[in-house]
Amino acid sequence: MENVTALKGKNADVRAAIAAERRELADLFDTLRTGQWNEQSLCAGWRVREVAAHMSMGFRLSLPRTLGELVKAHGNLHLMTDRLARRDAAVHSTTALAAFLRDNAHHPWTPPVGGLTAALGHDVVHGLDITVALGLDRRVPEDRLRILLDGIRPSGLKFFGADLAGVQLCADDLDWSYGSGSPVFGAAQDLLLLAYGRRLPDGRLRGEPSNRFTRSAEEA
């Protein structure tokens, strides 16, 4: 009974974190200028507006519609999400994209794998895809970061194509590290991005292997 009660409490905490993250990001989206919406995000090939459109896809598409779109993409999930993000970014206004996130702060959607923690990761990481690329100084609250940092596993690294072989991630703003090998130092939220397969703008990381995780001028 204690384990069940603890699990319910943990899930409630994650749901609250998800709702807060969505509301805060929606408020931030409302402040972006037109030019910022068209800037490149950390997601390869996606501008800020495509990332924002993708973030609310799970709220707006029913399961039958999602499966239908997946069939159209011949079962290729990445192809499906890319096509829908581009379509929805073109169809919906930036005001609507922000509202989708705010109005669905408590939506129960979760990714196919990973449950509530994965849903929080989806929101936090895509939010960082936008704010880091735009150079905005938004700090993800520590409690949300801790949930995601504590959930890093080799299976997740493989899914996101994150190669951390021979590297130890060492946060310089939290008491946290992951892996073993040559240290890479940075803010905890930047290191979280590495675990999700992202490459960061120059100057955000320290340590001999940091160039492995830095975007080139052509990618920026």
Protein backbone atom coordinates (compact mmCIF):
# COMPACT_ATOMS: atom_id res chain seq x y z
CA MET A 1 0.00 0.00 0.00
CA GLU A 2 2.86 2.38 0.81
CA ASN A 3 4.40 1.75 -2.62
CA VAL A 4 1.09 2.45 -4.36
CA THR A 5 0.63 5.64 -2.36
CA ALA A 6 4.18 6.76 -3.13
CA LEU A 7 3.68 6.07 -6.84
CA LYS A 8 0.45 8.07 -6.90
CA GLY A 9 2.22 10.94 -5.18
CA LYS A 10 5.11 10.82 -7.64
CA ASN A 11 2.74 10.75 -10.62
CA ALA A 12 0.84 13.72 -9.22
CA ASP A 13 4.11 15.63 -8.91
CA VAL A 14 5.03 14.85 -12.53
CA ARG A 15 1.59 15.88 -13.78
CA ALA A 16 1.90 19.17 -11.92
CA ALA A 17 5.35 19.71 -13.43
CA ILE A 18 4.00 19.02 -16.93
CA ALA A 19 1.13 21.48 -16.51
CA ALA A 20 3.42 24.19 -15.16
CA GLU A 21 5.95 23.68 -17.97
CA ARG A 22 3.27 23.96 -20.65
CA ARG A 23 1.76 27.11 -19.18
CA GLU A 24 5.15 28.79 -18.78
CA LEU A 25 6.21 27.92 -22.32
CA ALA A 26 2.90 29.17 -23.71
CA ASP A 27 3.46 32.48 -21.93
CA LEU A 28 6.97 32.65 -23.38
CA PHE A 29 5.69 31.88 -26.89
CA ASP A 30 3.35 34.84 -26.61
CA THR A 31 6.37 37.13 -26.22
CA LEU A 32 8.25 35.95 -29.32
CA ARG A 33 8.64 38.28 -32.27
CA THR A 34 7.76 37.18 -35.80
CA GLY A 35 11.41 36.84 -36.72
CA GLN A 36 12.08 34.57 -33.75
CA TRP A 37 9.33 32.17 -34.80
CA ASN A 38 11.16 31.72 -38.10
CA GLU A 39 14.61 31.10 -36.62
CA GLN A 40 16.22 27.66 -36.62
CA SER A 41 15.69 25.58 -33.48
CA LEU A 42 17.98 22.87 -32.12
CA CYS A 43 15.80 20.32 -33.94
CA ALA A 44 17.45 19.68 -37.28
CA GLY A 45 15.36 21.14 -40.10
CA TRP A 46 12.74 22.71 -37.86
CA ARG A 47 12.22 26.38 -37.12
CA VAL A 48 10.78 27.48 -33.81
CA ARG A 49 7.27 27.37 -35.28
CA GLU A 50 7.62 23.72 -36.35
CA VAL A 51 8.78 22.73 -32.87
CA ALA A 52 5.86 24.57 -31.27
CA ALA A 53 3.42 22.92 -33.67
CA HIS A 54 4.87 19.49 -32.91
CA MET A 55 4.57 20.02 -29.16
CA SER A 56 0.77 20.10 -29.32
CA MET A 57 0.29 17.39 -31.96
CA GLY A 58 -0.60 14.76 -29.36
CA PHE A 59 -3.38 16.96 -27.99
CA ARG A 60 -4.94 17.74 -31.33
CA LEU A 61 -4.87 14.34 -33.05
CA SER A 62 -7.02 11.45 -31.91
CA LEU A 63 -5.51 7.97 -31.87
CA PRO A 64 -7.35 6.91 -35.08
CA ARG A 65 -6.13 10.04 -36.88
CA THR A 66 -2.60 9.48 -35.64
CA LEU A 67 -2.63 5.90 -36.86
CA GLY A 68 -4.01 7.06 -40.19
CA GLU A 69 -1.20 9.59 -40.56
CA LEU A 70 1.31 6.89 -39.65
CA VAL A 71 -0.08 4.65 -42.40
CA LYS A 72 0.34 7.53 -44.88
CA ALA A 73 3.98 7.76 -43.79
CA HIS A 74 4.43 3.99 -44.37
CA GLY A 75 5.00 3.42 -40.67
CA ASN A 76 7.84 5.93 -40.43
CA LEU A 77 7.20 7.88 -37.22
CA HIS A 78 9.86 10.51 -37.93
CA LEU A 79 8.50 11.14 -41.42
CA MET A 80 4.98 11.47 -40.02
CA THR A 81 5.90 13.92 -37.27
CA ASP A 82 8.01 16.00 -39.65
CA ARG A 83 5.21 16.28 -42.20
CA LEU A 84 2.60 17.17 -39.59
CA ALA A 85 4.83 19.73 -37.89
CA ARG A 86 5.44 21.52 -41.18
CA ARG A 87 1.78 21.39 -42.15
CA ASP A 88 0.51 22.62 -38.79
CA ALA A 89 3.15 25.34 -38.53
CA ALA A 90 1.89 26.71 -41.84
CA VAL A 91 -1.82 26.41 -41.00
CA HIS A 92 -1.97 27.74 -37.44
CA SER A 93 -1.09 31.21 -36.22
CA THR A 94 1.60 31.66 -33.61
CA THR A 95 -1.11 32.80 -31.18
CA ALA A 96 -2.93 29.52 -31.73
CA LEU A 97 0.26 27.48 -31.28
CA ALA A 98 0.80 29.06 -27.87
CA ALA A 99 -2.86 28.59 -26.95
CA PHE A 100 -2.79 24.88 -27.83
CA LEU A 101 -0.11 24.39 -25.19
CA ARG A 102 -1.79 26.55 -22.53
CA ASP A 103 -5.28 25.14 -23.05
CA ASN A 104 -3.96 21.58 -22.79
CA ALA A 105 -1.77 22.06 -19.74
CA HIS A 106 -3.50 19.13 -18.02
CA HIS A 107 -3.98 16.95 -21.11
CA PRO A 108 -3.13 13.30 -20.25
CA TRP A 109 -1.20 12.62 -23.48
CA THR A 110 2.01 10.63 -23.15
CA PRO A 111 4.44 9.39 -25.83
CA PRO A 112 4.17 5.74 -26.94
CA VAL A 113 6.98 4.79 -24.53
CA GLY A 114 7.99 6.28 -21.20
CA GLY A 115 4.74 7.41 -19.62
CA LEU A 116 4.47 10.66 -17.67
CA THR A 117 8.22 11.20 -17.36
CA ALA A 118 8.54 10.97 -21.14
CA ALA A 119 5.73 13.52 -21.52
CA LEU A 120 7.58 15.92 -19.23
CA GLY A 121 10.78 15.31 -21.19
CA HIS A 122 8.94 16.03 -24.44
CA ASP A 123 7.84 19.43 -23.16
CA VAL A 124 11.06 20.42 -21.39
CA VAL A 125 13.43 19.39 -24.16
CA HIS A 126 11.42 20.91 -26.98
CA GLY A 127 11.11 24.07 -24.91
CA LEU A 128 14.90 24.11 -24.64
CA ASP A 129 15.17 23.42 -28.38
CA ILE A 130 13.56 26.83 -28.76
CA THR A 131 14.97 28.90 -25.91
CA VAL A 132 18.58 27.75 -26.27
CA ALA A 133 18.53 28.29 -30.04
CA LEU A 134 17.12 31.78 -29.54
CA GLY A 135 19.60 32.60 -26.78
CA LEU A 136 16.85 33.17 -24.22
CA ASP A 137 17.88 32.82 -20.58
CA ARG A 138 15.06 30.58 -19.38
CA ARG A 139 16.00 28.23 -16.55
CA VAL A 140 13.99 25.04 -16.19
CA PRO A 141 13.09 24.62 -12.50
CA GLU A 142 15.33 22.17 -10.66
CA ASP A 143 12.54 19.79 -9.64
CA ARG A 144 11.62 19.20 -13.30
CA LEU A 145 15.24 18.74 -14.30
CA ARG A 146 15.81 16.24 -11.49
CA ILE A 147 12.94 14.05 -12.67
CA LEU A 148 14.42 13.88 -16.17
CA LEU A 149 18.10 13.65 -15.21
CA ASP A 150 17.35 10.80 -12.81
CA GLY A 151 15.51 9.02 -15.61
CA ILE A 152 18.39 8.91 -18.10
CA ARG A 153 19.01 5.31 -19.19
CA PRO A 154 21.10 3.67 -21.95
CA SER A 155 17.90 2.68 -23.78
CA GLY A 156 16.81 6.31 -23.91
CA LEU A 157 20.20 7.46 -25.14
CA LYS A 158 20.01 4.90 -27.94
CA PHE A 159 16.49 5.97 -28.92
CA PHE A 160 17.54 9.61 -29.25
CA GLY A 161 20.83 8.80 -30.97
CA ALA A 162 22.92 10.25 -28.13
CA ASP A 163 26.48 8.90 -28.18
CA LEU A 164 27.95 9.48 -24.72
CA ALA A 165 30.58 6.73 -24.95
CA GLY A 166 33.72 7.62 -22.99
CA VAL A 167 32.13 10.78 -21.58
CA GLN A 168 30.99 11.82 -18.13
CA LEU A 169 28.39 14.58 -18.01
CA CYS A 170 29.07 16.86 -15.03
CA ALA A 171 26.60 19.58 -14.10
CA ASP A 172 28.20 22.75 -12.78
CA ASP A 173 24.97 24.11 -11.29
CA LEU A 174 23.61 20.92 -9.66
CA ASP A 175 25.12 18.00 -7.79
CA TRP A 176 24.67 15.58 -10.71
CA SER A 177 26.76 13.54 -13.11
CA TYR A 178 26.21 10.68 -15.50
CA GLY A 179 28.52 8.19 -17.21
CA SER A 180 32.23 7.71 -17.01
CA GLY A 181 35.19 8.99 -18.98
CA SER A 182 36.39 12.42 -19.99
CA PRO A 183 34.25 15.08 -18.28
CA VAL A 184 32.00 17.49 -20.13
CA PHE A 185 30.87 20.37 -17.92
CA GLY A 186 27.81 22.53 -18.41
CA ALA A 187 24.49 23.62 -16.98
CA ALA A 188 22.28 20.67 -16.06
CA GLN A 189 19.65 21.60 -18.64
CA ASP A 190 22.27 21.78 -21.37
CA LEU A 191 23.58 18.34 -20.41
CA LEU A 192 20.01 17.04 -20.50
CA LEU A 193 19.88 18.16 -24.13
CA LEU A 194 22.97 16.05 -24.88
CA ALA A 195 21.17 13.01 -23.49
CA TYR A 196 18.37 13.73 -25.96
CA GLY A 197 20.78 13.80 -28.89
CA ARG A 198 21.03 17.56 -29.33
CA ARG A 199 24.07 19.58 -30.37
CA LEU A 200 24.50 22.93 -28.64
CA PRO A 201 25.69 26.38 -29.71
CA ASP A 202 29.37 27.06 -29.13
CA GLY A 203 30.44 28.24 -25.69
CA ARG A 204 27.88 26.38 -23.56
CA LEU A 205 30.06 23.39 -22.69
CA ARG A 206 33.53 22.88 -21.23
CA GLY A 207 35.85 19.91 -21.37
CA GLU A 208 38.02 18.21 -23.98
CA PRO A 209 35.18 16.19 -25.62
CA SER A 210 32.79 19.15 -25.78
CA ASN A 211 33.37 19.71 -29.49
CA ARG A 212 31.55 16.42 -30.11
CA PHE A 213 28.37 18.07 -28.89
CA THR A 214 28.72 21.55 -30.41
CA ARG A 215 26.91 22.76 -33.52
CA SER A 216 28.92 24.00 -36.45
CA ALA A 217 28.40 27.50 -37.83
CA GLU A 218 26.47 25.96 -40.75
CA GLU A 219 24.07 24.21 -38.36
CA ALA A 220 23.41 27.33 -36.26
